[in-house]
Amino acid sequence: MDGASWDLAEIPLSETQERYQVKIFSGAQLLRQDEVHQAQWHYSAAMQSLDGAQGLLELQVAQLSESFGPGLFRKFPFTI
């Protein structure tokens, strides 16, 4: 419980639901922030258009914990 076992491939965190925070940045400007309940997310053409997304962007994603809030964000640069 609460990450106490290191013997398993995935550390059990005793969360009641799977949640992630996804952010899209253009430089320092936050274009979009979403919360998702599965380990996948699609940045659709409609979302990109609404956000005015173009050029070099950065996706940031962190798992959300009811006990601790967001974990460390992983950052992935990409270009539209």
N, C-alpha and C. Protein backbone atom coordinates (compact mmCIF):
# COMPACT_ATOMS: atom_id res chain seq x y z
N MET A 1 0.84 -1.19 0.00
CA MET A 1 0.00 0.00 0.00
C MET A 1 0.87 1.24 0.00
N ASP A 2 0.38 2.29 -0.64
CA ASP A 2 1.07 3.58 -0.71
C ASP A 2 2.50 3.44 -1.19
N GLY A 3 2.75 2.52 -2.13
CA GLY A 3 4.08 2.38 -2.70
C GLY A 3 5.06 1.67 -1.81
N ALA A 4 4.59 0.89 -0.84
CA ALA A 4 5.48 0.25 0.12
C ALA A 4 6.22 -0.95 -0.45
N SER A 5 5.70 -1.58 -1.50
CA SER A 5 6.34 -2.77 -2.04
C SER A 5 7.11 -2.43 -3.31
N TRP A 6 8.39 -2.80 -3.35
CA TRP A 6 9.22 -2.58 -4.54
C TRP A 6 9.43 -3.88 -5.30
N ASP A 7 8.75 -4.95 -4.89
CA ASP A 7 8.92 -6.26 -5.51
C ASP A 7 8.10 -6.44 -6.77
N LEU A 8 7.15 -5.57 -7.03
CA LEU A 8 6.25 -5.72 -8.18
C LEU A 8 6.69 -4.83 -9.33
N ALA A 9 6.25 -5.16 -10.53
CA ALA A 9 6.57 -4.35 -11.71
C ALA A 9 5.95 -2.96 -11.59
N GLU A 10 4.75 -2.88 -11.04
CA GLU A 10 4.10 -1.60 -10.81
C GLU A 10 3.86 -1.46 -9.32
N ILE A 11 4.19 -0.29 -8.79
CA ILE A 11 4.02 -0.04 -7.36
C ILE A 11 2.55 0.25 -7.07
N PRO A 12 1.89 -0.52 -6.19
CA PRO A 12 0.48 -0.26 -5.88
C PRO A 12 0.34 1.01 -5.05
N LEU A 13 -0.45 1.94 -5.53
CA LEU A 13 -0.61 3.21 -4.83
C LEU A 13 -1.95 3.33 -4.11
N SER A 14 -2.76 2.30 -4.17
CA SER A 14 -4.05 2.28 -3.49
C SER A 14 -4.95 3.44 -3.92
N GLU A 15 -4.84 3.83 -5.17
CA GLU A 15 -5.72 4.89 -5.69
C GLU A 15 -7.06 4.28 -6.06
N THR A 16 -8.12 5.06 -5.91
CA THR A 16 -9.45 4.57 -6.25
C THR A 16 -9.75 4.70 -7.74
N GLN A 17 -8.97 5.53 -8.44
CA GLN A 17 -9.17 5.69 -9.87
C GLN A 17 -7.87 6.11 -10.54
N GLU A 18 -7.78 5.83 -11.83
CA GLU A 18 -6.62 6.20 -12.62
C GLU A 18 -6.88 7.60 -13.20
N ARG A 19 -5.96 8.54 -12.93
CA ARG A 19 -6.13 9.91 -13.42
C ARG A 19 -4.76 10.48 -13.81
N TYR A 20 -4.78 11.29 -14.86
CA TYR A 20 -3.56 11.96 -15.33
C TYR A 20 -3.89 13.41 -15.65
N GLN A 21 -2.92 14.28 -15.45
CA GLN A 21 -3.05 15.67 -15.88
C GLN A 21 -2.16 15.84 -17.12
N VAL A 22 -2.76 16.37 -18.18
CA VAL A 22 -2.07 16.58 -19.44
C VAL A 22 -2.04 18.08 -19.70
N LYS A 23 -0.86 18.60 -20.07
CA LYS A 23 -0.72 20.02 -20.40
C LYS A 23 0.00 20.14 -21.74
N ILE A 24 -0.42 21.13 -22.52
CA ILE A 24 0.25 21.46 -23.77
C ILE A 24 0.75 22.90 -23.66
N PHE A 25 2.05 23.08 -23.92
CA PHE A 25 2.67 24.39 -23.86
C PHE A 25 3.24 24.78 -25.22
N SER A 26 3.17 26.06 -25.52
CA SER A 26 3.91 26.67 -26.61
C SER A 26 4.87 27.65 -25.94
N GLY A 27 6.14 27.26 -25.83
CA GLY A 27 7.07 28.05 -25.03
C GLY A 27 6.61 28.02 -23.58
N ALA A 28 6.46 29.19 -22.97
CA ALA A 28 5.98 29.27 -21.58
C ALA A 28 4.46 29.39 -21.49
N GLN A 29 3.78 29.52 -22.64
CA GLN A 29 2.33 29.71 -22.65
C GLN A 29 1.60 28.37 -22.59
N LEU A 30 0.74 28.22 -21.58
CA LEU A 30 -0.11 27.04 -21.45
C LEU A 30 -1.27 27.16 -22.43
N LEU A 31 -1.34 26.22 -23.38
CA LEU A 31 -2.42 26.23 -24.36
C LEU A 31 -3.62 25.40 -23.94
N ARG A 32 -3.36 24.31 -23.25
CA ARG A 32 -4.44 23.38 -22.87
C ARG A 32 -4.03 22.60 -21.63
N GLN A 33 -5.02 22.34 -20.77
CA GLN A 33 -4.83 21.46 -19.61
C GLN A 33 -6.06 20.59 -19.48
N ASP A 34 -5.85 19.27 -19.46
CA ASP A 34 -6.95 18.32 -19.35
C ASP A 34 -6.65 17.31 -18.26
N GLU A 35 -7.70 16.73 -17.72
CA GLU A 35 -7.57 15.59 -16.81
C GLU A 35 -8.19 14.39 -17.52
N VAL A 36 -7.45 13.29 -17.57
CA VAL A 36 -7.94 12.09 -18.24
C VAL A 36 -7.92 10.92 -17.27
N HIS A 37 -8.74 9.90 -17.57
CA HIS A 37 -8.90 8.76 -16.68
C HIS A 37 -8.40 7.46 -17.29
N GLN A 38 -7.46 7.58 -18.22
CA GLN A 38 -6.82 6.41 -18.82
C GLN A 38 -5.44 6.84 -19.31
N ALA A 39 -4.60 5.89 -19.59
CA ALA A 39 -3.21 6.18 -19.98
C ALA A 39 -3.10 6.45 -21.47
N GLN A 40 -4.05 7.19 -22.02
CA GLN A 40 -3.97 7.63 -23.41
C GLN A 40 -4.77 8.91 -23.57
N TRP A 41 -4.35 9.72 -24.53
CA TRP A 41 -4.97 11.01 -24.78
C TRP A 41 -4.67 11.40 -26.22
N HIS A 42 -5.62 12.00 -26.91
CA HIS A 42 -5.45 12.38 -28.31
C HIS A 42 -5.63 13.88 -28.45
N TYR A 43 -4.64 14.53 -29.04
CA TYR A 43 -4.71 15.98 -29.31
C TYR A 43 -5.27 16.15 -30.72
N SER A 44 -6.58 16.23 -30.79
CA SER A 44 -7.27 16.24 -32.08
C SER A 44 -6.99 17.52 -32.87
N ALA A 45 -7.26 17.47 -34.17
CA ALA A 45 -7.09 18.64 -35.03
C ALA A 45 -7.99 19.79 -34.56
N ALA A 46 -9.19 19.46 -34.09
CA ALA A 46 -10.10 20.50 -33.59
C ALA A 46 -9.53 21.17 -32.34
N MET A 47 -8.94 20.38 -31.44
CA MET A 47 -8.32 20.95 -30.24
C MET A 47 -7.14 21.84 -30.62
N GLN A 48 -6.31 21.35 -31.55
CA GLN A 48 -5.15 22.11 -31.99
C GLN A 48 -5.57 23.45 -32.58
N SER A 49 -6.61 23.42 -33.41
CA SER A 49 -7.12 24.64 -34.03
C SER A 49 -7.65 25.61 -32.98
N LEU A 50 -8.44 25.11 -32.05
CA LEU A 50 -8.99 25.94 -30.98
C LEU A 50 -7.89 26.56 -30.13
N ASP A 51 -6.80 25.81 -29.90
CA ASP A 51 -5.69 26.29 -29.08
C ASP A 51 -4.74 27.21 -29.85
N GLY A 52 -4.86 27.24 -31.18
CA GLY A 52 -3.91 28.00 -31.99
C GLY A 52 -2.53 27.36 -31.97
N ALA A 53 -2.50 26.04 -31.82
CA ALA A 53 -1.25 25.30 -31.68
C ALA A 53 -0.53 25.20 -33.03
N GLN A 54 0.74 25.55 -33.01
CA GLN A 54 1.57 25.41 -34.21
C GLN A 54 3.04 25.45 -33.82
N GLY A 55 3.88 24.88 -34.68
CA GLY A 55 5.32 24.89 -34.42
C GLY A 55 5.72 23.92 -33.33
N LEU A 56 6.78 24.26 -32.62
CA LEU A 56 7.30 23.41 -31.55
C LEU A 56 6.47 23.57 -30.29
N LEU A 57 5.93 22.46 -29.79
CA LEU A 57 5.11 22.44 -28.58
C LEU A 57 5.70 21.45 -27.59
N GLU A 58 5.16 21.47 -26.37
CA GLU A 58 5.61 20.50 -25.36
C GLU A 58 4.39 19.91 -24.66
N LEU A 59 4.34 18.59 -24.64
CA LEU A 59 3.33 17.86 -23.89
C LEU A 59 3.92 17.53 -22.53
N GLN A 60 3.18 17.80 -21.47
CA GLN A 60 3.58 17.41 -20.12
C GLN A 60 2.47 16.55 -19.54
N VAL A 61 2.85 15.45 -18.89
CA VAL A 61 1.86 14.55 -18.31
C VAL A 61 2.35 14.06 -16.95
N ALA A 62 1.41 14.00 -15.98
CA ALA A 62 1.72 13.49 -14.65
C ALA A 62 0.53 12.69 -14.15
N GLN A 63 0.81 11.63 -13.42
CA GLN A 63 -0.26 10.86 -12.80
C GLN A 63 -0.75 11.63 -11.57
N LEU A 64 -2.05 11.63 -11.36
CA LEU A 64 -2.65 12.33 -10.22
C LEU A 64 -2.97 11.35 -9.11
N SER A 65 -2.64 11.72 -7.90
CA SER A 65 -2.92 10.92 -6.72
C SER A 65 -3.88 11.67 -5.82
N GLU A 66 -4.85 10.97 -5.27
CA GLU A 66 -5.76 11.59 -4.31
C GLU A 66 -5.03 12.01 -3.05
N SER A 67 -3.96 11.30 -2.70
CA SER A 67 -3.20 11.58 -1.48
C SER A 67 -2.14 12.66 -1.67
N PHE A 68 -1.50 12.67 -2.85
CA PHE A 68 -0.32 13.51 -3.03
C PHE A 68 -0.44 14.55 -4.12
N GLY A 69 -1.54 14.54 -4.89
CA GLY A 69 -1.66 15.46 -6.02
C GLY A 69 -0.89 14.94 -7.22
N PRO A 70 -0.43 15.84 -8.10
CA PRO A 70 0.28 15.36 -9.28
C PRO A 70 1.68 14.85 -8.93
N GLY A 71 2.08 13.80 -9.64
CA GLY A 71 3.45 13.32 -9.51
C GLY A 71 4.36 14.18 -10.37
N LEU A 72 5.55 13.69 -10.65
CA LEU A 72 6.48 14.42 -11.50
C LEU A 72 5.96 14.42 -12.93
N PHE A 73 6.08 15.56 -13.59
CA PHE A 73 5.65 15.66 -14.98
C PHE A 73 6.75 15.16 -15.91
N ARG A 74 6.36 14.32 -16.87
CA ARG A 74 7.25 13.93 -17.98
C ARG A 74 7.00 14.92 -19.09
N LYS A 75 8.04 15.31 -19.79
CA LYS A 75 7.93 16.32 -20.85
C LYS A 75 8.34 15.71 -22.19
N PHE A 76 7.52 15.97 -23.22
CA PHE A 76 7.74 15.43 -24.55
C PHE A 76 7.59 16.54 -25.57
N PRO A 77 8.67 16.99 -26.19
CA PRO A 77 8.53 18.00 -27.26
C PRO A 77 7.97 17.36 -28.53
N PHE A 78 7.19 18.12 -29.29
CA PHE A 78 6.67 17.66 -30.57
C PHE A 78 6.36 18.87 -31.45
N THR A 79 6.23 18.64 -32.73
CA THR A 79 6.00 19.72 -33.69
C THR A 79 4.72 19.48 -34.46
N ILE A 80 3.96 20.55 -34.65
CA ILE A 80 2.73 20.50 -35.47
C ILE A 80 3.01 21.33 -36.72
